[in-house]
């Protein structure tokens, strides 16, 4: 994993709301923006901001279907990040 990608991914994880989104995705598999809004209590624009940062980091994939945006984990990116972190230890 390239250093700039590691920086984006770790920056995305560093926020408590984004971390909670990742943890919820790990449990449920998929979420919609509405699910995230309900789960976090954040406004729709704030949820969109956090989702954008997660997708830009590569850790989350999004699929738009009509009015809904479905979120899922990018397991390969998470695996790559884990492999990188293992090299530090």
C-alpha atoms as a PDB file:
ATOM      1  CA  UNK A   1       0.000   0.000   0.000  1.00  0.00           C
ATOM      2  CA  UNK A   2       1.409   3.382  -0.980  1.00  0.00           C
ATOM      3  CA  UNK A   3       2.098   5.927   1.785  1.00  0.00           C
ATOM      4  CA  UNK A   4      -0.499   8.404   0.489  1.00  0.00           C
ATOM      5  CA  UNK A   5      -3.160   5.653   0.565  1.00  0.00           C
ATOM      6  CA  UNK A   6      -2.135   4.683   4.090  1.00  0.00           C
ATOM      7  CA  UNK A   7      -2.456   8.331   5.124  1.00  0.00           C
ATOM      8  CA  UNK A   8      -5.979   8.590   3.658  1.00  0.00           C
ATOM      9  CA  UNK A   9      -7.086   5.300   5.203  1.00  0.00           C
ATOM     10  CA  UNK A  10      -5.730   6.005   8.670  1.00  0.00           C
ATOM     11  CA  UNK A  11      -7.139   9.542   8.543  1.00  0.00           C
ATOM     12  CA  UNK A  12     -10.545   8.102   7.715  1.00  0.00           C
ATOM     13  CA  UNK A  13     -10.379   5.671  10.621  1.00  0.00           C
ATOM     14  CA  UNK A  14      -9.229   8.375  13.063  1.00  0.00           C
ATOM     15  CA  UNK A  15     -12.715   9.913  13.375  1.00  0.00           C
ATOM     16  CA  UNK A  16     -15.126   8.307  15.854  1.00  0.00           C
ATOM     17  CA  UNK A  17     -18.102   8.527  13.476  1.00  0.00           C
ATOM     18  CA  UNK A  18     -16.221   7.032  10.537  1.00  0.00           C
ATOM     19  CA  UNK A  19     -14.819   4.295  12.750  1.00  0.00           C
ATOM     20  CA  UNK A  20     -18.322   3.470  13.983  1.00  0.00           C
ATOM     21  CA  UNK A  21     -19.538   3.304  10.366  1.00  0.00           C
ATOM     22  CA  UNK A  22     -16.749   0.836   9.539  1.00  0.00           C
ATOM     23  CA  UNK A  23     -17.559  -1.295  12.581  1.00  0.00           C
ATOM     24  CA  UNK A  24     -21.266  -1.335  11.715  1.00  0.00           C
ATOM     25  CA  UNK A  25     -20.459  -2.291   8.113  1.00  0.00           C
ATOM     26  CA  UNK A  26     -18.301  -5.135   9.385  1.00  0.00           C
ATOM     27  CA  UNK A  27     -21.283  -6.464  11.353  1.00  0.00           C
ATOM     28  CA  UNK A  28     -24.090  -5.851   8.865  1.00  0.00           C
ATOM     29  CA  UNK A  29     -22.365  -6.025   5.477  1.00  0.00           C
ATOM     30  CA  UNK A  30     -24.200  -3.082   3.917  1.00  0.00           C
ATOM     31  CA  UNK A  31     -25.716   0.182   5.070  1.00  0.00           C
ATOM     32  CA  UNK A  32     -27.500   3.050   3.394  1.00  0.00           C
ATOM     33  CA  UNK A  33     -26.836   6.715   4.089  1.00  0.00           C
ATOM     34  CA  UNK A  34     -30.173   6.718   5.938  1.00  0.00           C
ATOM     35  CA  UNK A  35     -28.963   3.857   8.146  1.00  0.00           C
ATOM     36  CA  UNK A  36     -25.807   5.824   8.944  1.00  0.00           C
ATOM     37  CA  UNK A  37     -27.823   8.942   9.726  1.00  0.00           C
ATOM     38  CA  UNK A  38     -30.077   7.010  12.088  1.00  0.00           C
ATOM     39  CA  UNK A  39     -27.147   5.214  13.703  1.00  0.00           C
ATOM     40  CA  UNK A  40     -25.028   8.323  14.307  1.00  0.00           C
ATOM     41  CA  UNK A  41     -27.680  11.009  14.759  1.00  0.00           C
ATOM     42  CA  UNK A  42     -25.795  13.236  12.326  1.00  0.00           C
ATOM     43  CA  UNK A  43     -27.425  15.450   9.716  1.00  0.00           C
ATOM     44  CA  UNK A  44     -27.624  14.242   6.113  1.00  0.00           C
ATOM     45  CA  UNK A  45     -24.912  16.658   4.885  1.00  0.00           C
ATOM     46  CA  UNK A  46     -22.604  15.542   7.700  1.00  0.00           C
ATOM     47  CA  UNK A  47     -23.224  11.866   6.874  1.00  0.00           C
ATOM     48  CA  UNK A  48     -22.475  12.585   3.212  1.00  0.00           C
ATOM     49  CA  UNK A  49     -19.190  14.219   4.214  1.00  0.00           C
ATOM     50  CA  UNK A  50     -18.097  11.233   6.316  1.00  0.00           C
ATOM     51  CA  UNK A  51     -19.158   8.743   3.637  1.00  0.00           C
ATOM     52  CA  UNK A  52     -17.250  10.736   1.014  1.00  0.00           C
ATOM     53  CA  UNK A  53     -14.070  10.595   3.098  1.00  0.00           C
ATOM     54  CA  UNK A  54     -14.483   6.851   3.635  1.00  0.00           C
ATOM     55  CA  UNK A  55     -15.013   6.187  -0.067  1.00  0.00           C
ATOM     56  CA  UNK A  56     -12.112   8.461  -1.045  1.00  0.00           C
ATOM     57  CA  UNK A  57      -9.903   6.538   1.377  1.00  0.00           C
ATOM     58  CA  UNK A  58     -10.799   3.351  -0.484  1.00  0.00           C
ATOM     59  CA  UNK A  59     -12.010   1.569   2.654  1.00  0.00           C
ATOM     60  CA  UNK A  60     -15.683   1.784   1.684  1.00  0.00           C
ATOM     61  CA  UNK A  61     -17.397   1.242  -1.645  1.00  0.00           C
ATOM     62  CA  UNK A  62     -20.667   2.927  -2.522  1.00  0.00           C
ATOM     63  CA  UNK A  63     -23.323   1.947  -5.038  1.00  0.00           C
ATOM     64  CA  UNK A  64     -26.121   4.346  -5.899  1.00  0.00           C
ATOM     65  CA  UNK A  65     -29.499   2.802  -6.673  1.00  0.00           C
ATOM     66  CA  UNK A  66     -32.234   5.357  -7.163  1.00  0.00           C
ATOM     67  CA  UNK A  67     -32.288   7.609  -4.123  1.00  0.00           C
ATOM     68  CA  UNK A  68     -30.361   5.164  -1.967  1.00  0.00           C
ATOM     69  CA  UNK A  69     -26.610   4.848  -1.650  1.00  0.00           C
ATOM     70  CA  UNK A  70     -25.519   1.415  -0.438  1.00  0.00           C
ATOM     71  CA  UNK A  71     -22.234   1.209   1.419  1.00  0.00           C
ATOM     72  CA  UNK A  72     -20.019  -1.825   1.883  1.00  0.00           C
ATOM     73  CA  UNK A  73     -16.483  -2.491   3.054  1.00  0.00           C
ATOM     74  CA  UNK A  74     -13.683  -2.771   0.529  1.00  0.00           C
ATOM     75  CA  UNK A  75     -12.182  -5.885   2.068  1.00  0.00           C
ATOM     76  CA  UNK A  76      -9.117  -5.839  -0.176  1.00  0.00           C
ATOM     77  CA  UNK A  77      -8.221  -2.293   0.884  1.00  0.00           C
ATOM     78  CA  UNK A  78      -8.700  -3.225   4.545  1.00  0.00           C
ATOM     79  CA  UNK A  79      -6.524  -6.296   4.070  1.00  0.00           C
ATOM     80  CA  UNK A  80      -3.830  -4.191   2.392  1.00  0.00           C
ATOM     81  CA  UNK A  81      -3.928  -1.708   5.271  1.00  0.00           C
ATOM     82  CA  UNK A  82      -3.667  -4.548   7.791  1.00  0.00           C
ATOM     83  CA  UNK A  83      -0.686  -5.980   5.926  1.00  0.00           C
ATOM     84  CA  UNK A  84       1.000  -2.585   5.944  1.00  0.00           C
ATOM     85  CA  UNK A  85       0.408  -2.121   9.668  1.00  0.00           C
ATOM     86  CA  UNK A  86       1.866  -5.584  10.358  1.00  0.00           C
ATOM     87  CA  UNK A  87       5.141  -4.479   8.744  1.00  0.00           C
ATOM     88  CA  UNK A  88       5.448  -1.814  11.439  1.00  0.00           C
ATOM     89  CA  UNK A  89       5.209  -4.275  14.304  1.00  0.00           C
END
